[in-house]
Amino acid sequence: MIDRLVYMIWLEASAAAMVVGVFGSWVTVGDSGVSGTAQGSHGWIVLAAALVAAGVFWFRRATRSAGVYVAVLGAVALAAVVWDRTHLEQTVGGGKIVSAAAAAGWGLDLALVGSVSLVVVGAAWAVAMPSLPWAWFAPSGPAGHGPAQRQP
């Protein structure tokens, strides 16, 4: 029970870090910054992945598949963050001088850490849970009627 609580806190903290990172400074040029929700960035993908991962986890937390879904959503967010991090000039949308001065902001770094953490905790949850991720395909009880009773 304690192990599950640790995983749950870890997962929700990862999703929260991603959300805060999206609204933080995504790309900075000098003293000004662009948030992850600005046009040209993929912050909305990261925000949606964080919120959906948190929601899916809370509704399916008793299954191993929750970890699989969370890890996949974390990987989607990670891909969006890595893309923006390697293409800062497209996020800023300026000329060569502006793009040369563009640097990753603290929000982009926080979203990156949160996304990596979400992938890791999702995989850890999937490994730690006793049921298979595809167990919901199986019949749920005798002759498919009612939930199956677990044997201690």
Protein backbone atom coordinates (compact mmCIF):
# COMPACT_ATOMS: atom_id res chain seq x y z
CA MET A 1 0.00 0.00 0.00
CA ILE A 2 2.82 2.42 0.87
CA ASP A 3 4.59 1.61 -2.41
CA ARG A 4 1.49 2.51 -4.38
CA LEU A 5 1.16 5.79 -2.50
CA VAL A 6 4.75 6.69 -3.34
CA TYR A 7 4.12 5.94 -7.03
CA MET A 8 0.90 7.98 -6.95
CA ILE A 9 2.61 11.01 -5.41
CA TRP A 10 5.51 10.68 -7.85
CA LEU A 11 3.16 10.49 -10.84
CA GLU A 12 1.03 13.45 -9.78
CA ALA A 13 4.14 15.54 -9.01
CA SER A 14 5.49 14.74 -12.48
CA ALA A 15 2.24 15.81 -14.13
CA ALA A 16 2.14 18.96 -11.99
CA ALA A 17 5.70 19.84 -12.99
CA MET A 18 4.72 19.47 -16.64
CA VAL A 19 1.72 21.78 -16.20
CA VAL A 20 3.75 24.43 -14.38
CA GLY A 21 6.48 24.14 -17.01
CA VAL A 22 4.03 24.74 -19.84
CA PHE A 23 2.90 28.02 -18.33
CA GLY A 24 6.45 29.03 -17.44
CA SER A 25 9.09 30.56 -19.65
CA TRP A 26 9.47 28.09 -22.54
CA VAL A 27 11.98 30.04 -24.62
CA THR A 28 13.85 33.18 -23.57
CA VAL A 29 15.44 35.88 -25.69
CA GLY A 30 17.26 38.33 -23.46
CA ASP A 31 14.94 39.32 -20.62
CA SER A 32 11.70 38.34 -22.35
CA GLY A 33 10.25 34.88 -22.55
CA VAL A 34 7.64 32.93 -24.48
CA SER A 35 5.40 30.47 -22.62
CA GLY A 36 4.69 26.95 -23.78
CA THR A 37 1.18 27.94 -24.78
CA ALA A 38 2.38 30.50 -27.33
CA GLN A 39 1.89 29.94 -31.03
CA GLY A 40 4.71 27.91 -32.53
CA SER A 41 5.38 25.78 -29.46
CA HIS A 42 4.09 22.34 -28.57
CA GLY A 43 3.20 23.20 -25.00
CA TRP A 44 -0.46 22.36 -25.56
CA ILE A 45 0.53 18.78 -26.35
CA VAL A 46 2.52 18.60 -23.11
CA LEU A 47 -0.37 20.12 -21.13
CA ALA A 48 -2.90 17.70 -22.61
CA ALA A 49 -0.62 14.71 -22.02
CA ALA A 50 -0.08 15.71 -18.38
CA LEU A 51 -3.79 16.19 -17.67
CA VAL A 52 -4.88 13.05 -19.50
CA ALA A 53 -2.15 10.99 -17.80
CA ALA A 54 -3.26 12.21 -14.37
CA GLY A 55 -6.91 11.49 -15.19
CA VAL A 56 -6.29 8.07 -16.70
CA PHE A 57 -4.16 7.14 -13.75
CA TRP A 58 -6.83 8.07 -11.20
CA PHE A 59 -9.53 6.15 -13.02
CA ARG A 60 -7.42 3.06 -13.78
CA ARG A 61 -4.95 3.08 -10.88
CA ALA A 62 -5.87 -0.45 -9.80
CA THR A 63 -4.53 -1.90 -13.05
CA ARG A 64 -1.17 -2.29 -14.69
CA SER A 65 -2.52 -0.70 -17.84
CA ALA A 66 -2.63 2.66 -16.05
CA GLY A 67 1.16 2.64 -15.99
CA VAL A 68 1.34 1.71 -19.65
CA TYR A 69 -0.98 4.55 -20.65
CA VAL A 70 0.91 7.02 -18.46
CA ALA A 71 4.27 5.96 -19.91
CA VAL A 72 2.95 6.37 -23.47
CA LEU A 73 1.52 9.81 -22.70
CA GLY A 74 4.80 10.77 -21.06
CA ALA A 75 6.66 9.69 -24.18
CA VAL A 76 4.37 11.84 -26.35
CA ALA A 77 5.02 14.84 -24.10
CA LEU A 78 8.74 14.09 -24.09
CA ALA A 79 8.81 14.05 -27.89
CA ALA A 80 7.06 17.45 -28.00
CA VAL A 81 9.46 18.96 -25.45
CA VAL A 82 12.54 17.58 -27.20
CA TRP A 83 11.28 18.92 -30.53
CA ASP A 84 10.78 22.40 -29.10
CA ARG A 85 14.11 22.27 -27.32
CA THR A 86 15.97 21.42 -30.52
CA HIS A 87 13.98 23.90 -32.63
CA LEU A 88 13.99 27.02 -30.43
CA GLU A 89 14.13 29.38 -33.42
CA GLN A 90 10.79 28.04 -34.72
CA THR A 91 9.20 28.57 -31.32
CA VAL A 92 10.34 32.19 -31.14
CA GLY A 93 9.58 32.87 -34.79
CA GLY A 94 12.21 35.55 -35.28
CA GLY A 95 15.05 36.09 -37.70
CA LYS A 96 18.58 34.73 -37.49
CA ILE A 97 19.67 37.20 -34.83
CA VAL A 98 16.70 36.45 -32.59
CA SER A 99 17.06 32.71 -33.07
CA ALA A 100 20.76 32.90 -32.27
CA ALA A 101 19.92 34.61 -28.97
CA ALA A 102 17.11 32.16 -28.09
CA ALA A 103 17.68 29.91 -25.09
CA ALA A 104 15.58 27.29 -23.37
CA GLY A 105 13.63 28.75 -20.46
CA TRP A 106 13.03 27.26 -17.05
CA GLY A 107 9.54 26.12 -18.09
CA LEU A 108 10.88 24.03 -20.95
CA ASP A 109 13.45 22.46 -18.64
CA LEU A 110 10.79 21.73 -16.01
CA ALA A 111 8.50 20.20 -18.64
CA LEU A 112 11.41 18.05 -19.85
CA VAL A 113 12.14 16.76 -16.34
CA GLY A 114 8.44 16.17 -15.69
CA SER A 115 8.01 14.27 -18.98
CA VAL A 116 10.99 12.01 -18.34
CA SER A 117 9.75 11.41 -14.80
CA LEU A 118 6.27 10.57 -16.10
CA VAL A 119 7.69 7.95 -18.49
CA VAL A 120 9.74 6.39 -15.69
CA VAL A 121 6.93 6.31 -13.12
CA GLY A 122 4.49 4.91 -15.67
CA ALA A 123 6.88 2.11 -16.54
CA ALA A 124 7.58 1.49 -12.85
CA TRP A 125 3.84 1.28 -12.11
CA ALA A 126 3.32 -1.15 -14.98
CA VAL A 127 6.10 -3.39 -13.67
CA ALA A 128 5.02 -3.15 -10.02
CA MET A 129 1.35 -4.04 -10.53
CA PRO A 130 0.35 -7.72 -10.44
CA SER A 131 -2.18 -7.81 -13.32
CA LEU A 132 -1.32 -7.79 -16.99
CA PRO A 133 -1.93 -4.58 -18.98
CA TRP A 134 -4.34 -6.35 -21.29
CA ALA A 135 -6.26 -8.14 -18.48
CA TRP A 136 -9.34 -6.03 -19.18
CA PHE A 137 -9.77 -7.98 -22.45
CA ALA A 138 -10.30 -11.21 -20.53
CA PRO A 139 -13.75 -12.25 -19.33
CA SER A 140 -14.42 -10.79 -15.93
CA GLY A 141 -16.06 -13.75 -14.21
CA PRO A 142 -17.59 -17.17 -14.66
CA ALA A 143 -19.09 -17.27 -18.15
CA GLY A 144 -18.47 -13.53 -18.45
CA HIS A 145 -20.99 -12.60 -15.72
CA GLY A 146 -19.89 -10.18 -13.00
CA PRO A 147 -16.43 -9.40 -11.69
CA ALA A 148 -14.00 -12.21 -11.02
CA GLN A 149 -13.22 -12.95 -7.39
CA ARG A 150 -9.52 -12.83 -6.55
CA GLN A 151 -8.11 -15.67 -4.54
CA PRO A 152 -5.89 -14.62 -1.61
